[in-house]
Structure formats: C-alpha cells, structure tokens
Amino acid sequence: MLIKRRLEEILNITADVDYAAELMETEWKGKKWKVFVNPLYEKKSKEWKIAFRAGKPVTDAVRTAAEKWLKEFK
C-alpha cells in the first residue's frame, strides 16, 4: 500500500535528523545559501533537509502522526 510505504519512509528518513547541525553561509552564482558544515549532511535527502529546517517540534508531530497511522494499518 502506497500510503503505508510512504509513512514508513518518512519515519526512516527523519529518524536521524541532527537538529544541532551547524550551517555555514556560502555564495553560488551571486546568491547566498546556507549549507551544512558536515558534508555528509549535505548529501542527505531533500526530505531530511526539510525536516531539519522545519525543526524538532514539527518533525516530532509528523512522526507521531505517522506512527499512529501505521498502527491503524495493522
């Protein structure tokens, strides 16, 4: 089931978000961007980075809702 699989993906992707990760400012093509100091974090998925930027309270709420939904599928 697509919904169940996506909920599981969200939980897997957001399980290891480091909300204390350091960012640095860089410039590319005349625009300023914030990138992770840790190059491994820069290689993380778009969803992982969205969870980081959303913050822990929002991501925790999403994870709680996803876990609840998954229990209902069983």
N, C-alpha and C. Protein backbone atom coordinates (compact mmCIF):
# COMPACT_ATOMS: atom_id res chain seq x y z
N MET A 1 0.84 -1.17 0.00
CA MET A 1 0.00 0.00 0.00
C MET A 1 0.89 1.24 0.00
N LEU A 2 0.61 2.15 -0.89
CA LEU A 2 1.43 3.34 -1.09
C LEU A 2 1.52 4.22 0.15
N ILE A 3 0.39 4.46 0.79
CA ILE A 3 0.39 5.35 1.97
C ILE A 3 1.24 4.74 3.08
N LYS A 4 1.07 3.46 3.32
CA LYS A 4 1.83 2.80 4.38
C LYS A 4 3.33 2.87 4.09
N ARG A 5 3.69 2.61 2.84
CA ARG A 5 5.11 2.65 2.47
C ARG A 5 5.69 4.05 2.64
N ARG A 6 4.93 5.07 2.26
CA ARG A 6 5.41 6.45 2.39
C ARG A 6 5.56 6.85 3.86
N LEU A 7 4.62 6.44 4.70
CA LEU A 7 4.73 6.73 6.13
C LEU A 7 5.99 6.09 6.72
N GLU A 8 6.26 4.85 6.30
CA GLU A 8 7.47 4.17 6.77
C GLU A 8 8.72 4.89 6.29
N GLU A 9 8.70 5.39 5.05
CA GLU A 9 9.83 6.15 4.52
C GLU A 9 10.06 7.42 5.34
N ILE A 10 8.99 8.12 5.66
CA ILE A 10 9.11 9.35 6.46
C ILE A 10 9.76 9.05 7.80
N LEU A 11 9.33 7.98 8.44
CA LEU A 11 9.91 7.62 9.74
C LEU A 11 11.39 7.26 9.60
N ASN A 12 11.74 6.54 8.55
CA ASN A 12 13.15 6.17 8.34
C ASN A 12 14.01 7.39 8.04
N ILE A 13 13.51 8.27 7.19
CA ILE A 13 14.28 9.45 6.79
C ILE A 13 14.51 10.39 7.96
N THR A 14 13.50 10.58 8.78
CA THR A 14 13.59 11.57 9.87
C THR A 14 14.12 11.00 11.18
N ALA A 15 14.48 9.74 11.20
CA ALA A 15 14.93 9.11 12.44
C ALA A 15 16.25 9.69 12.96
N ASP A 16 17.10 10.16 12.07
CA ASP A 16 18.43 10.59 12.50
C ASP A 16 18.72 12.07 12.22
N VAL A 17 17.70 12.90 12.18
CA VAL A 17 17.92 14.32 11.92
C VAL A 17 18.67 14.94 13.10
N ASP A 18 19.77 15.60 12.79
CA ASP A 18 20.58 16.27 13.81
C ASP A 18 20.20 17.75 13.83
N TYR A 19 19.34 18.11 14.76
CA TYR A 19 18.84 19.49 14.83
C TYR A 19 19.89 20.48 15.32
N ALA A 20 21.01 19.98 15.81
CA ALA A 20 22.09 20.85 16.26
C ALA A 20 23.17 21.01 15.18
N ALA A 21 22.91 20.49 14.01
CA ALA A 21 23.90 20.57 12.92
C ALA A 21 24.24 22.02 12.60
N GLU A 22 25.51 22.24 12.35
CA GLU A 22 25.97 23.60 12.04
C GLU A 22 25.79 23.90 10.56
N LEU A 23 25.42 25.15 10.30
CA LEU A 23 25.30 25.64 8.94
C LEU A 23 26.33 26.73 8.71
N MET A 24 26.72 26.88 7.47
CA MET A 24 27.59 27.99 7.10
C MET A 24 27.02 28.65 5.85
N GLU A 25 27.33 29.90 5.69
CA GLU A 25 26.84 30.63 4.52
C GLU A 25 27.86 30.55 3.41
N THR A 26 27.37 30.33 2.21
CA THR A 26 28.23 30.27 1.03
C THR A 26 27.56 31.04 -0.09
N GLU A 27 28.32 31.35 -1.10
CA GLU A 27 27.76 32.07 -2.23
C GLU A 27 27.93 31.23 -3.49
N TRP A 28 26.89 31.18 -4.29
CA TRP A 28 26.92 30.42 -5.53
C TRP A 28 26.10 31.17 -6.57
N LYS A 29 26.71 31.47 -7.66
CA LYS A 29 26.07 32.22 -8.75
C LYS A 29 25.46 33.53 -8.26
N GLY A 30 26.19 34.21 -7.37
CA GLY A 30 25.75 35.50 -6.89
C GLY A 30 24.68 35.46 -5.82
N LYS A 31 24.29 34.28 -5.37
CA LYS A 31 23.27 34.15 -4.32
C LYS A 31 23.89 33.52 -3.09
N LYS A 32 23.41 33.95 -1.93
CA LYS A 32 23.90 33.38 -0.67
C LYS A 32 23.02 32.20 -0.27
N TRP A 33 23.68 31.13 0.15
CA TRP A 33 22.99 29.89 0.55
C TRP A 33 23.55 29.44 1.89
N LYS A 34 22.74 28.73 2.64
CA LYS A 34 23.23 28.09 3.85
C LYS A 34 23.40 26.61 3.53
N VAL A 35 24.54 26.09 3.89
CA VAL A 35 24.84 24.68 3.68
C VAL A 35 25.35 24.09 4.99
N PHE A 36 25.27 22.78 5.09
CA PHE A 36 25.74 22.11 6.29
C PHE A 36 27.26 22.08 6.32
N VAL A 37 27.83 22.29 7.49
CA VAL A 37 29.27 22.19 7.68
C VAL A 37 29.70 20.74 7.45
N ASN A 38 28.92 19.81 7.94
CA ASN A 38 29.20 18.38 7.77
C ASN A 38 28.82 17.96 6.35
N PRO A 39 29.78 17.55 5.54
CA PRO A 39 29.47 17.19 4.16
C PRO A 39 28.52 16.00 4.03
N LEU A 40 28.48 15.13 5.03
CA LEU A 40 27.54 14.01 4.99
C LEU A 40 26.09 14.50 5.06
N TYR A 41 25.86 15.57 5.80
CA TYR A 41 24.52 16.13 5.89
C TYR A 41 24.11 16.78 4.57
N GLU A 42 25.08 17.35 3.86
CA GLU A 42 24.77 17.95 2.56
C GLU A 42 24.31 16.89 1.55
N LYS A 43 24.74 15.66 1.77
CA LYS A 43 24.36 14.57 0.86
C LYS A 43 23.03 13.91 1.24
N LYS A 44 22.46 14.31 2.36
CA LYS A 44 21.18 13.74 2.80
C LYS A 44 20.07 14.13 1.83
N SER A 45 18.97 13.41 1.94
CA SER A 45 17.84 13.63 1.03
C SER A 45 17.16 14.98 1.27
N LYS A 46 16.41 15.38 0.27
CA LYS A 46 15.64 16.62 0.35
C LYS A 46 14.69 16.57 1.55
N GLU A 47 14.06 15.41 1.78
CA GLU A 47 13.13 15.26 2.90
C GLU A 47 13.82 15.43 4.24
N TRP A 48 15.04 14.89 4.36
CA TRP A 48 15.81 15.03 5.61
C TRP A 48 16.09 16.49 5.88
N LYS A 49 16.48 17.22 4.84
CA LYS A 49 16.79 18.65 4.99
C LYS A 49 15.53 19.46 5.32
N ILE A 50 14.41 19.08 4.75
CA ILE A 50 13.14 19.75 5.07
C ILE A 50 12.80 19.54 6.54
N ALA A 51 12.99 18.32 7.04
CA ALA A 51 12.72 18.03 8.45
C ALA A 51 13.65 18.87 9.34
N PHE A 52 14.92 18.99 8.96
CA PHE A 52 15.86 19.80 9.72
C PHE A 52 15.38 21.24 9.79
N ARG A 53 15.01 21.79 8.65
CA ARG A 53 14.59 23.19 8.60
C ARG A 53 13.25 23.43 9.28
N ALA A 54 12.39 22.42 9.26
CA ALA A 54 11.09 22.55 9.94
C ALA A 54 11.29 22.58 11.45
N GLY A 55 12.30 21.88 11.93
CA GLY A 55 12.59 21.86 13.36
C GLY A 55 12.06 20.62 14.06
N LYS A 56 12.57 20.41 15.23
CA LYS A 56 12.23 19.20 16.00
C LYS A 56 10.75 19.13 16.38
N PRO A 57 10.13 20.20 16.88
CA PRO A 57 8.72 20.08 17.26
C PRO A 57 7.80 19.67 16.09
N VAL A 58 8.04 20.25 14.94
CA VAL A 58 7.21 19.93 13.77
C VAL A 58 7.48 18.50 13.32
N THR A 59 8.75 18.12 13.23
CA THR A 59 9.10 16.78 12.79
C THR A 59 8.59 15.74 13.77
N ASP A 60 8.68 16.01 15.07
CA ASP A 60 8.16 15.08 16.06
C ASP A 60 6.65 14.90 15.91
N ALA A 61 5.94 15.98 15.61
CA ALA A 61 4.49 15.89 15.41
C ALA A 61 4.18 15.03 14.18
N VAL A 62 4.93 15.21 13.11
CA VAL A 62 4.74 14.40 11.90
C VAL A 62 5.03 12.94 12.20
N ARG A 63 6.11 12.69 12.92
CA ARG A 63 6.48 11.29 13.25
C ARG A 63 5.41 10.64 14.12
N THR A 64 4.87 11.38 15.08
CA THR A 64 3.83 10.84 15.94
C THR A 64 2.59 10.48 15.13
N ALA A 65 2.19 11.36 14.23
CA ALA A 65 1.03 11.10 13.38
C ALA A 65 1.28 9.90 12.47
N ALA A 66 2.47 9.81 11.90
CA ALA A 66 2.81 8.70 11.02
C ALA A 66 2.79 7.37 11.78
N GLU A 67 3.34 7.37 12.99
CA GLU A 67 3.33 6.15 13.81
C GLU A 67 1.90 5.73 14.14
N LYS A 68 1.06 6.69 14.45
CA LYS A 68 -0.36 6.40 14.76
C LYS A 68 -1.05 5.78 13.54
N TRP A 69 -0.85 6.37 12.40
CA TRP A 69 -1.46 5.84 11.17
C TRP A 69 -0.99 4.42 10.89
N LEU A 70 0.30 4.18 11.07
CA LEU A 70 0.84 2.86 10.80
C LEU A 70 0.23 1.80 11.72
N LYS A 71 -0.01 2.16 12.97
CA LYS A 71 -0.65 1.22 13.89
C LYS A 71 -2.06 0.88 13.44
N GLU A 72 -2.75 1.85 12.83
CA GLU A 72 -4.11 1.62 12.36
C GLU A 72 -4.13 0.71 11.11
N PHE A 73 -3.03 0.63 10.37
CA PHE A 73 -2.98 -0.22 9.19
C PHE A 73 -2.85 -1.69 9.56
N LYS A 74 -2.38 -1.97 10.74
CA LYS A 74 -2.15 -3.37 11.15
C LYS A 74 -3.41 -4.10 11.48
